[in-house]
C-alpha atoms as a PDB file:
ATOM      1  CA  ASN A   1      13.054  -3.428 -18.063  1.00  0.00           C
ATOM      2  CA  ASN A   2      11.041  -4.045 -14.884  1.00  0.00           C
ATOM      3  CA  VAL A   3      13.811  -6.162 -13.377  1.00  0.00           C
ATOM      4  CA  THR A   4      17.077  -4.355 -12.739  1.00  0.00           C
ATOM      5  CA  SER A   5      20.128  -5.157 -14.837  1.00  0.00           C
ATOM      6  CA  MET A   6      21.970  -6.504 -11.777  1.00  0.00           C
ATOM      7  CA  LYS A   7      21.160 -10.176 -11.437  1.00  0.00           C
ATOM      8  CA  GLY A   8      19.490 -10.929  -8.128  1.00  0.00           C
ATOM      9  CA  VAL A   9      17.951  -7.475  -7.619  1.00  0.00           C
ATOM     10  CA  TYR A  10      14.243  -7.172  -8.427  1.00  0.00           C
ATOM     11  CA  TYR A  11      11.403  -4.673  -8.454  1.00  0.00           C
ATOM     12  CA  LEU A  12       7.930  -6.033  -7.794  1.00  0.00           C
ATOM     13  CA  ARG A  13       5.693  -4.079 -10.183  1.00  0.00           C
ATOM     14  CA  THR A  14       4.228  -6.482 -12.730  1.00  0.00           C
ATOM     15  CA  ILE A  15       2.907 -10.033 -12.934  1.00  0.00           C
ATOM     16  CA  LYS A  16       6.082 -10.983 -14.809  1.00  0.00           C
ATOM     17  CA  ASP A  17       8.160  -9.655 -11.915  1.00  0.00           C
ATOM     18  CA  SER A  18       6.138 -11.646  -9.392  1.00  0.00           C
ATOM     19  CA  LEU A  19       6.551 -14.909 -11.325  1.00  0.00           C
ATOM     20  CA  ILE A  20      10.327 -14.427 -11.543  1.00  0.00           C
ATOM     21  CA  ILE A  21      10.545 -13.579  -7.831  1.00  0.00           C
ATOM     22  CA  LYS A  22       8.412 -16.600  -6.931  1.00  0.00           C
ATOM     23  CA  GLU A  23      10.866 -18.901  -8.723  1.00  0.00           C
ATOM     24  CA  GLU A  24      13.859 -17.218  -7.097  1.00  0.00           C
ATOM     25  CA  LEU A  25      12.400 -17.538  -3.585  1.00  0.00           C
ATOM     26  CA  ASP A  26      12.386 -21.313  -4.027  1.00  0.00           C
ATOM     27  CA  ARG A  27      16.113 -21.263  -4.845  1.00  0.00           C
ATOM     28  CA  LYS A  28      17.515 -18.805  -2.307  1.00  0.00           C
ATOM     29  CA  LYS A  29      18.283 -18.891   1.408  1.00  0.00           C
ATOM     30  CA  SER A  30      18.373 -15.186   2.293  1.00  0.00           C
ATOM     31  CA  ILE A  31      16.620 -12.075   1.033  1.00  0.00           C
ATOM     32  CA  GLY A  32      16.898  -8.360   1.616  1.00  0.00           C
ATOM     33  CA  ILE A  33      13.792  -6.225   1.162  1.00  0.00           C
ATOM     34  CA  ILE A  34      14.167  -2.484   0.665  1.00  0.00           C
ATOM     35  CA  GLY A  35      11.064  -0.704   1.920  1.00  0.00           C
ATOM     36  CA  SER A  36       8.534  -1.648   4.606  1.00  0.00           C
ATOM     37  CA  GLY A  37       5.253  -0.738   2.947  1.00  0.00           C
ATOM     38  CA  TYR A  38       2.646  -3.316   1.982  1.00  0.00           C
ATOM     39  CA  ILE A  39       4.703  -4.750  -0.894  1.00  0.00           C
ATOM     40  CA  GLY A  40       7.770  -5.211   1.287  1.00  0.00           C
ATOM     41  CA  LEU A  41       5.929  -6.723   4.256  1.00  0.00           C
ATOM     42  CA  GLU A  42       3.776  -9.064   2.172  1.00  0.00           C
ATOM     43  CA  THR A  43       6.939 -10.286   0.448  1.00  0.00           C
ATOM     44  CA  ALA A  44       8.607 -10.741   3.831  1.00  0.00           C
ATOM     45  CA  SER A  45       5.741 -12.911   5.086  1.00  0.00           C
ATOM     46  CA  ILE A  46       5.869 -15.118   1.980  1.00  0.00           C
ATOM     47  CA  ALA A  47       9.656 -15.459   2.220  1.00  0.00           C
ATOM     48  CA  ARG A  48       9.482 -16.492   5.886  1.00  0.00           C
ATOM     49  CA  LYS A  49       6.885 -19.147   5.059  1.00  0.00           C
ATOM     50  CA  LYS A  50       9.527 -20.531   2.682  1.00  0.00           C
ATOM     51  CA  ASN A  51      12.081 -20.426   5.544  1.00  0.00           C
ATOM     52  CA  LEU A  52      14.328 -17.767   4.013  1.00  0.00           C
ATOM     53  CA  ASP A  53      16.363 -15.475   6.234  1.00  0.00           C
ATOM     54  CA  VAL A  54      14.648 -12.097   5.786  1.00  0.00           C
ATOM     55  CA  THR A  55      16.043  -8.617   6.441  1.00  0.00           C
ATOM     56  CA  VAL A  56      13.879  -5.550   5.804  1.00  0.00           C
ATOM     57  CA  PHE A  57      15.618  -2.195   5.296  1.00  0.00           C
ATOM     58  CA  GLU A  58      13.680   1.027   5.983  1.00  0.00           C
ATOM     59  CA  MET A  59      14.973   4.589   5.831  1.00  0.00           C
ATOM     60  CA  GLU A  60      12.337   5.849   8.296  1.00  0.00           C
ATOM     61  CA  ASN A  61      12.342   5.131  12.036  1.00  0.00           C
ATOM     62  CA  ARG A  62       9.335   2.800  11.829  1.00  0.00           C
ATOM     63  CA  ILE A  63       7.704   0.484   9.316  1.00  0.00           C
ATOM     64  CA  MET A  64       4.556   1.440   7.335  1.00  0.00           C
ATOM     65  CA  SER A  65       5.263   5.047   8.297  1.00  0.00           C
ATOM     66  CA  ARG A  66       3.441   6.516   5.292  1.00  0.00           C
ATOM     67  CA  VAL A  67       0.284   4.447   5.657  1.00  0.00           C
ATOM     68  CA  ALA A  68      -0.281   3.657   9.342  1.00  0.00           C
ATOM     69  CA  CYS A  69      -0.128   5.235  12.778  1.00  0.00           C
ATOM     70  CA  LYS A  70       2.600   4.268  15.242  1.00  0.00           C
ATOM     71  CA  LYS A  71       0.424   1.738  17.098  1.00  0.00           C
ATOM     72  CA  ILE A  72      -0.414  -0.194  13.921  1.00  0.00           C
ATOM     73  CA  SER A  73       3.220   0.016  12.771  1.00  0.00           C
ATOM     74  CA  LYS A  74       4.448  -1.427  16.067  1.00  0.00           C
ATOM     75  CA  PHE A  75       1.885  -4.235  15.964  1.00  0.00           C
ATOM     76  CA  PHE A  76       2.981  -5.356  12.505  1.00  0.00           C
ATOM     77  CA  GLN A  77       6.680  -5.043  13.340  1.00  0.00           C
ATOM     78  CA  LEU A  78       6.280  -7.248  16.406  1.00  0.00           C
ATOM     79  CA  LYS A  79       4.311  -9.789  14.366  1.00  0.00           C
ATOM     80  CA  HIS A  80       7.028  -9.994  11.727  1.00  0.00           C
ATOM     81  CA  GLN A  81       9.762 -10.190  14.344  1.00  0.00           C
ATOM     82  CA  SER A  82       7.928 -13.050  16.044  1.00  0.00           C
ATOM     83  CA  GLN A  83       8.082 -14.847  12.687  1.00  0.00           C
ATOM     84  CA  GLY A  84      11.832 -14.269  12.409  1.00  0.00           C
ATOM     85  CA  VAL A  85      12.097 -11.133  10.271  1.00  0.00           C
ATOM     86  CA  ASN A  86      15.021  -8.813  10.983  1.00  0.00           C
ATOM     87  CA  PHE A  87      14.391  -5.061  10.642  1.00  0.00           C
ATOM     88  CA  VAL A  88      17.053  -2.460   9.958  1.00  0.00           C
ATOM     89  CA  LEU A  89      15.485   0.979  10.478  1.00  0.00           C
ATOM     90  CA  ASN A  90      16.851   4.466   9.804  1.00  0.00           C
ATOM     91  CA  LYS A  91      18.832   2.889   6.975  1.00  0.00           C
ATOM     92  CA  SER A  92      19.534   4.538   3.632  1.00  0.00           C
ATOM     93  CA  ILE A  93      21.031   2.244   1.000  1.00  0.00           C
ATOM     94  CA  ILE A  94      24.150   3.788  -0.502  1.00  0.00           C
ATOM     95  CA  ASP A  95      25.184   0.992  -2.862  1.00  0.00           C
ATOM     96  CA  ILE A  96      24.519  -2.604  -3.908  1.00  0.00           C
ATOM     97  CA  LYS A  97      27.396  -4.689  -5.265  1.00  0.00           C
ATOM     98  CA  ASP A  98      28.050  -8.244  -6.409  1.00  0.00           C
ATOM     99  CA  LYS A  99      30.330 -10.148  -4.063  1.00  0.00           C
ATOM    100  CA  ASP A 100      30.965 -13.920  -4.170  1.00  0.00           C
ATOM    101  CA  ASN A 101      27.545 -14.710  -5.684  1.00  0.00           C
ATOM    102  CA  LYS A 102      25.933 -12.510  -3.045  1.00  0.00           C
ATOM    103  CA  LYS A 103      24.338  -9.072  -3.129  1.00  0.00           C
ATOM    104  CA  ARG A 104      26.299  -6.776  -0.846  1.00  0.00           C
ATOM    105  CA  ILE A 105      24.135  -3.968   0.592  1.00  0.00           C
ATOM    106  CA  ILE A 106      26.066  -0.974   1.883  1.00  0.00           C
ATOM    107  CA  GLY A 107      24.167   1.500   4.066  1.00  0.00           C
ATOM    108  CA  ASN A 108      24.701   5.072   5.183  1.00  0.00           C
ATOM    109  CA  ASP A 109      26.439   3.794   8.341  1.00  0.00           C
ATOM    110  CA  SER A 110      28.878   1.686   6.242  1.00  0.00           C
ATOM    111  CA  LYS A 111      27.513  -1.541   7.743  1.00  0.00           C
ATOM    112  CA  ILE A 112      27.472  -4.338   5.170  1.00  0.00           C
ATOM    113  CA  PHE A 113      24.875  -7.073   4.618  1.00  0.00           C
ATOM    114  CA  ASN A 114      25.439 -10.042   2.287  1.00  0.00           C
ATOM    115  CA  LEU A 115      22.261 -11.600   0.878  1.00  0.00           C
ATOM    116  CA  ASP A 116      21.257 -13.996  -1.897  1.00  0.00           C
ATOM    117  CA  MET A 117      18.687 -11.662  -3.478  1.00  0.00           C
ATOM    118  CA  ILE A 118      17.146  -8.237  -3.028  1.00  0.00           C
ATOM    119  CA  ILE A 119      13.654  -6.947  -3.681  1.00  0.00           C
ATOM    120  CA  ALA A 120      13.004  -3.216  -3.866  1.00  0.00           C
ATOM    121  CA  GLY A 121       9.519  -2.280  -2.691  1.00  0.00           C
ATOM    122  CA  THR A 122      10.043   1.466  -2.609  1.00  0.00           C
ATOM    123  CA  GLY A 123       6.897   2.672  -4.361  1.00  0.00           C
ATOM    124  CA  VAL A 124       6.297   3.926  -7.881  1.00  0.00           C
ATOM    125  CA  GLN A 125       5.706   7.127  -9.774  1.00  0.00           C
ATOM    126  CA  PRO A 126       2.854   7.257 -12.306  1.00  0.00           C
ATOM    127  CA  ASP A 127       3.995   7.024 -15.927  1.00  0.00           C
ATOM    128  CA  ILE A 128       2.173  10.009 -17.395  1.00  0.00           C
ATOM    129  CA  SER A 129       4.592  10.845 -20.212  1.00  0.00           C
ATOM    130  CA  LEU A 130       2.030  10.018 -22.919  1.00  0.00           C
ATOM    131  CA  ALA A 131      -0.562  12.241 -21.226  1.00  0.00           C
ATOM    132  CA  ILE A 132       1.894  15.118 -20.931  1.00  0.00           C
ATOM    133  CA  ASP A 133       2.921  14.733 -24.579  1.00  0.00           C
ATOM    134  CA  SER A 134      -0.779  14.833 -25.490  1.00  0.00           C
ATOM    135  CA  GLY A 135      -1.257  18.114 -23.644  1.00  0.00           C
ATOM    136  CA  LEU A 136      -3.500  16.698 -20.908  1.00  0.00           C
ATOM    137  CA  LYS A 137      -3.709  18.355 -17.509  1.00  0.00           C
ATOM    138  CA  CYS A 138      -1.554  16.471 -15.007  1.00  0.00           C
ATOM    139  CA  GLU A 139      -0.855  16.953 -11.313  1.00  0.00           C
ATOM    140  CA  ASN A 140       0.505  13.957  -9.426  1.00  0.00           C
ATOM    141  CA  GLY A 141      -1.078  11.816 -12.112  1.00  0.00           C
ATOM    142  CA  ILE A 142      -3.521  12.473 -14.929  1.00  0.00           C
ATOM    143  CA  THR A 143      -6.294  14.791 -13.772  1.00  0.00           C
ATOM    144  CA  VAL A 144      -9.762  13.266 -14.342  1.00  0.00           C
ATOM    145  CA  ASP A 145     -13.328  14.102 -13.335  1.00  0.00           C
ATOM    146  CA  GLU A 146     -15.975  11.857 -11.771  1.00  0.00           C
ATOM    147  CA  TYR A 147     -16.539  10.136 -15.133  1.00  0.00           C
ATOM    148  CA  CYS A 148     -12.782   9.585 -15.686  1.00  0.00           C
ATOM    149  CA  LEU A 149     -12.673  12.220 -18.404  1.00  0.00           C
ATOM    150  CA  THR A 150      -9.358  14.007 -18.788  1.00  0.00           C
ATOM    151  CA  SER A 151      -9.001  17.688 -19.693  1.00  0.00           C
ATOM    152  CA  ASP A 152      -9.597  16.524 -23.280  1.00  0.00           C
ATOM    153  CA  HIS A 153     -13.128  15.141 -23.173  1.00  0.00           C
ATOM    154  CA  ASN A 154     -12.342  12.707 -25.969  1.00  0.00           C
ATOM    155  CA  ILE A 155      -9.855  10.917 -23.724  1.00  0.00           C
ATOM    156  CA  PHE A 156     -10.462   8.850 -20.589  1.00  0.00           C
ATOM    157  CA  ALA A 157      -7.933   7.685 -18.000  1.00  0.00           C
ATOM    158  CA  ILE A 158      -8.376   5.212 -15.149  1.00  0.00           C
ATOM    159  CA  GLY A 159      -6.347   3.492 -12.464  1.00  0.00           C
ATOM    160  CA  ASP A 160      -3.180   4.199 -10.511  1.00  0.00           C
ATOM    161  CA  CYS A 161      -2.037   6.931 -12.910  1.00  0.00           C
ATOM    162  CA  THR A 162      -5.103   9.142 -12.333  1.00  0.00           C
ATOM    163  CA  ASN A 163      -5.815  11.915  -9.854  1.00  0.00           C
ATOM    164  CA  HIS A 164      -9.466  12.615  -9.067  1.00  0.00           C
ATOM    165  CA  ILE A 165     -11.555  14.616  -6.631  1.00  0.00           C
ATOM    166  CA  ASN A 166     -13.012  12.296  -4.013  1.00  0.00           C
ATOM    167  CA  ASN A 167     -16.444  13.517  -2.968  1.00  0.00           C
ATOM    168  CA  PHE A 168     -16.162  11.991   0.534  1.00  0.00           C
ATOM    169  CA  TYR A 169     -12.886  13.721   1.396  1.00  0.00           C
ATOM    170  CA  LYS A 170     -13.260  16.837  -0.792  1.00  0.00           C
ATOM    171  CA  THR A 171      -9.679  16.517  -1.959  1.00  0.00           C
ATOM    172  CA  LYS A 172      -7.694  15.155  -4.879  1.00  0.00           C
ATOM    173  CA  LEU A 173      -6.544  11.571  -4.506  1.00  0.00           C
ATOM    174  CA  ARG A 174      -4.299   9.345  -6.588  1.00  0.00           C
ATOM    175  CA  LEU A 175      -5.031   5.820  -5.410  1.00  0.00           C
ATOM    176  CA  GLU A 176      -2.977   2.711  -6.108  1.00  0.00           C
ATOM    177  CA  SER A 177      -5.530  -0.048  -5.604  1.00  0.00           C
ATOM    178  CA  VAL A 178      -7.551  -2.643  -7.481  1.00  0.00           C
ATOM    179  CA  GLN A 179     -10.763  -1.196  -6.022  1.00  0.00           C
ATOM    180  CA  ASN A 180     -10.067   2.214  -7.498  1.00  0.00           C
ATOM    181  CA  ALA A 181      -9.157   0.874 -10.941  1.00  0.00           C
ATOM    182  CA  VAL A 182     -12.279  -1.301 -11.137  1.00  0.00           C
ATOM    183  CA  GLY A 183     -14.569   1.484  -9.915  1.00  0.00           C
ATOM    184  CA  GLN A 184     -13.170   3.995 -12.387  1.00  0.00           C
ATOM    185  CA  ALA A 185     -13.452   1.481 -15.222  1.00  0.00           C
ATOM    186  CA  LYS A 186     -17.166   1.060 -14.475  1.00  0.00           C
ATOM    187  CA  ALA A 187     -17.690   4.832 -14.455  1.00  0.00           C
ATOM    188  CA  ALA A 188     -15.890   5.274 -17.790  1.00  0.00           C
ATOM    189  CA  ALA A 189     -17.761   2.360 -19.374  1.00  0.00           C
ATOM    190  CA  SER A 190     -21.155   3.673 -18.237  1.00  0.00           C
ATOM    191  CA  TYR A 191     -20.359   7.097 -19.689  1.00  0.00           C
ATOM    192  CA  LEU A 192     -19.378   5.556 -23.031  1.00  0.00           C
ATOM    193  CA  VAL A 193     -22.738   3.784 -23.334  1.00  0.00           C
ATOM    194  CA  GLY A 194     -24.678   6.934 -22.473  1.00  0.00           C
ATOM    195  CA  GLU A 195     -25.319   6.278 -18.780  1.00  0.00           C
ATOM    196  CA  LYS A 196     -23.678   8.854 -16.543  1.00  0.00           C
ATOM    197  CA  LYS A 197     -22.792   6.996 -13.345  1.00  0.00           C
ATOM    198  CA  PRO A 198     -20.105   9.038 -11.571  1.00  0.00           C
ATOM    199  CA  TYR A 199     -17.296   7.341  -9.674  1.00  0.00           C
ATOM    200  CA  LYS A 200     -17.889   8.036  -5.996  1.00  0.00           C
ATOM    201  CA  GLU A 201     -16.626   5.415  -3.606  1.00  0.00           C
ATOM    202  CA  VAL A 202     -14.937   5.408  -0.233  1.00  0.00           C
ATOM    203  CA  PRO A 203     -11.415   4.074  -0.910  1.00  0.00           C
ATOM    204  CA  TRP A 204     -10.607   0.661   0.491  1.00  0.00           C
ATOM    205  CA  PHE A 205      -7.559  -1.573   0.515  1.00  0.00           C
ATOM    206  CA  TRP A 206      -6.344  -4.852   1.987  1.00  0.00           C
ATOM    207  CA  SER A 207      -3.164  -6.707   2.854  1.00  0.00           C
ATOM    208  CA  GLU A 208      -2.552 -10.296   3.953  1.00  0.00           C
ATOM    209  CA  GLN A 209       0.506 -11.113   6.066  1.00  0.00           C
ATOM    210  CA  TYR A 210       0.845 -14.502   7.794  1.00  0.00           C
ATOM    211  CA  ASP A 211      -2.523 -15.141   9.475  1.00  0.00           C
ATOM    212  CA  LEU A 212      -3.383 -11.430   9.565  1.00  0.00           C
ATOM    213  CA  LYS A 213      -5.901  -9.906   7.200  1.00  0.00           C
ATOM    214  CA  LEU A 214      -5.674  -6.133   7.234  1.00  0.00           C
ATOM    215  CA  GLN A 215      -8.653  -4.324   5.701  1.00  0.00           C
ATOM    216  CA  ILE A 216      -8.596  -0.558   5.364  1.00  0.00           C
ATOM    217  CA  VAL A 217     -11.416   1.775   4.508  1.00  0.00           C
ATOM    218  CA  GLY A 218     -10.955   5.496   3.985  1.00  0.00           C
ATOM    219  CA  ILE A 219      -7.968   7.816   4.277  1.00  0.00           C
ATOM    220  CA  ASN A 220      -6.648   8.595   7.770  1.00  0.00           C
ATOM    221  CA  ASN A 221      -4.730  11.784   6.886  1.00  0.00           C
ATOM    222  CA  ASN A 222      -4.895  14.505   9.551  1.00  0.00           C
ATOM    223  CA  PHE A 223      -7.003  12.529  12.037  1.00  0.00           C
ATOM    224  CA  ASP A 224      -7.353  14.167  15.460  1.00  0.00           C
ATOM    225  CA  GLU A 225      -8.740  11.189  17.417  1.00  0.00           C
ATOM    226  CA  ARG A 226      -8.456   7.440  17.287  1.00  0.00           C
ATOM    227  CA  VAL A 227     -10.450   4.712  19.020  1.00  0.00           C
ATOM    228  CA  LEU A 228      -9.334   1.117  19.454  1.00  0.00           C
ATOM    229  CA  LYS A 229     -11.909  -1.691  19.447  1.00  0.00           C
ATOM    230  CA  GLY A 230     -10.906  -5.278  20.111  1.00  0.00           C
ATOM    231  CA  SER A 231      -7.718  -6.897  21.346  1.00  0.00           C
ATOM    232  CA  LEU A 232      -4.189  -6.515  20.008  1.00  0.00           C
ATOM    233  CA  ALA A 233      -3.158  -9.561  22.042  1.00  0.00           C
ATOM    234  CA  ASP A 234      -5.795 -11.671  20.280  1.00  0.00           C
ATOM    235  CA  GLU A 235      -4.783 -10.172  16.903  1.00  0.00           C
ATOM    236  CA  LYS A 236      -8.378  -9.185  16.304  1.00  0.00           C
ATOM    237  CA  PHE A 237      -8.988  -5.449  16.530  1.00  0.00           C
ATOM    238  CA  SER A 238      -9.762  -2.253  14.649  1.00  0.00           C
ATOM    239  CA  MET A 239      -8.461   1.283  14.848  1.00  0.00           C
ATOM    240  CA  PHE A 240     -11.087   3.934  14.113  1.00  0.00           C
ATOM    241  CA  TYR A 241      -9.737   7.320  12.986  1.00  0.00           C
ATOM    242  CA  LEU A 242     -11.863  10.435  13.440  1.00  0.00           C
ATOM    243  CA  LYS A 243     -11.581  14.074  12.467  1.00  0.00           C
ATOM    244  CA  ASN A 244     -13.906  16.675  14.005  1.00  0.00           C
ATOM    245  CA  LYS A 245     -15.858  13.763  15.574  1.00  0.00           C
ATOM    246  CA  LYS A 246     -16.518  12.209  12.147  1.00  0.00           C
ATOM    247  CA  LEU A 247     -15.150   8.823  11.106  1.00  0.00           C
ATOM    248  CA  ILE A 248     -12.672   9.110   8.225  1.00  0.00           C
ATOM    249  CA  SER A 249     -10.917   5.726   8.245  1.00  0.00           C
ATOM    250  CA  VAL A 250     -10.819   2.257   9.807  1.00  0.00           C
ATOM    251  CA  TYR A 251      -7.903  -0.194   9.952  1.00  0.00           C
ATOM    252  CA  SER A 252      -9.272  -3.655  10.764  1.00  0.00           C
ATOM    253  CA  ILE A 253      -7.122  -6.675  11.567  1.00  0.00           C
ATOM    254  CA  ASN A 254      -9.065  -9.943  11.387  1.00  0.00           C
ATOM    255  CA  SER A 255     -12.239  -7.921  12.092  1.00  0.00           C
ATOM    256  CA  PRO A 256     -14.251  -7.802   8.854  1.00  0.00           C
ATOM    257  CA  LYS A 257     -17.427  -6.598  10.586  1.00  0.00           C
ATOM    258  CA  ASP A 258     -15.692  -3.381  11.643  1.00  0.00           C
ATOM    259  CA  PHE A 259     -14.439  -2.867   8.101  1.00  0.00           C
ATOM    260  CA  VAL A 260     -17.926  -3.257   6.624  1.00  0.00           C
ATOM    261  CA  ALA A 261     -19.498  -1.051   9.295  1.00  0.00           C
ATOM    262  CA  GLY A 262     -16.829   1.623   8.879  1.00  0.00           C
ATOM    263  CA  ARG A 263     -17.390   1.803   5.144  1.00  0.00           C
ATOM    264  CA  LYS A 264     -21.145   2.275   5.611  1.00  0.00           C
ATOM    265  CA  ILE A 265     -20.645   4.893   8.329  1.00  0.00           C
ATOM    266  CA  ILE A 266     -18.292   6.988   6.167  1.00  0.00           C
ATOM    267  CA  GLU A 267     -20.681   6.724   3.209  1.00  0.00           C
ATOM    268  CA  ARG A 268     -23.500   8.016   5.440  1.00  0.00           C
ATOM    269  CA  GLY A 269     -21.639  11.032   6.769  1.00  0.00           C
ATOM    270  CA  GLY A 270     -19.254   9.691   9.394  1.00  0.00           C
ATOM    271  CA  ASP A 271     -21.261   9.584  12.655  1.00  0.00           C
ATOM    272  CA  ALA A 272     -19.764   6.508  14.351  1.00  0.00           C
ATOM    273  CA  SER A 273     -20.848   7.258  17.922  1.00  0.00           C
ATOM    274  CA  PHE A 274     -23.480   4.511  18.098  1.00  0.00           C
ATOM    275  CA  TYR A 275     -21.160   1.828  16.708  1.00  0.00           C
ATOM    276  CA  LEU A 276     -18.183   2.807  18.850  1.00  0.00           C
ATOM    277  CA  ASN A 277     -20.282   2.858  22.012  1.00  0.00           C
ATOM    278  CA  LYS A 278     -21.561  -0.690  21.456  1.00  0.00           C
ATOM    279  CA  ASN A 279     -20.009  -3.414  23.606  1.00  0.00           C
END
């Protein structure tokens, strides 16, 4: 069951989950969100637009800690706080109980929060049990090649459950994104009709929160330099991440031109000096 057995506590993983949560948001006055990744923050922005009291619980010392640098994290936290979201950081959830038609959240510091509903946006693990039972090679997902072939070349796998070598980053990646699933589907389909068109794309993602549109291209792991273009105060800027003087990722907030340019630069080898030196 994708929705927990405790009434009022939900996981957001499927379309069915989202429809149930949407109905509940129209009936409730307060919500607790466990996890401050994209799922949690997007849910928080929707809940605030519906005038719910929103509290986000995060076990790390900053939001978006696994996907963004400290400067981006701080920017999004301040934006959410300006919209009325309450953040509780460094908080591990010990227990959730029913209490007087409320969900009682008990943390590692024994502080108690009483809320109408709770959404857990704590990430997922790939369901690869069928692949393992079938004897396929698996490592943080189902291992596939550039055509989405598994270790058994009669079987294909695509999407969030797969782990593939990305030719731009020369490393294995398991990506949870629509872009990746669609791109892999095209590669598998072309192979099946006799046209070998390998999957080789720079990863990209997006998130919409309030009037902010975050567009991300590339993977910013192990960057050694970052360059800011634009204005945080105007909520229109981009963070360019470089490694060994080569562009590896761009986080653009309301700056689609930087996103498009960054994608092209990474595809062409990563020399961003001309673009970053432009006024």
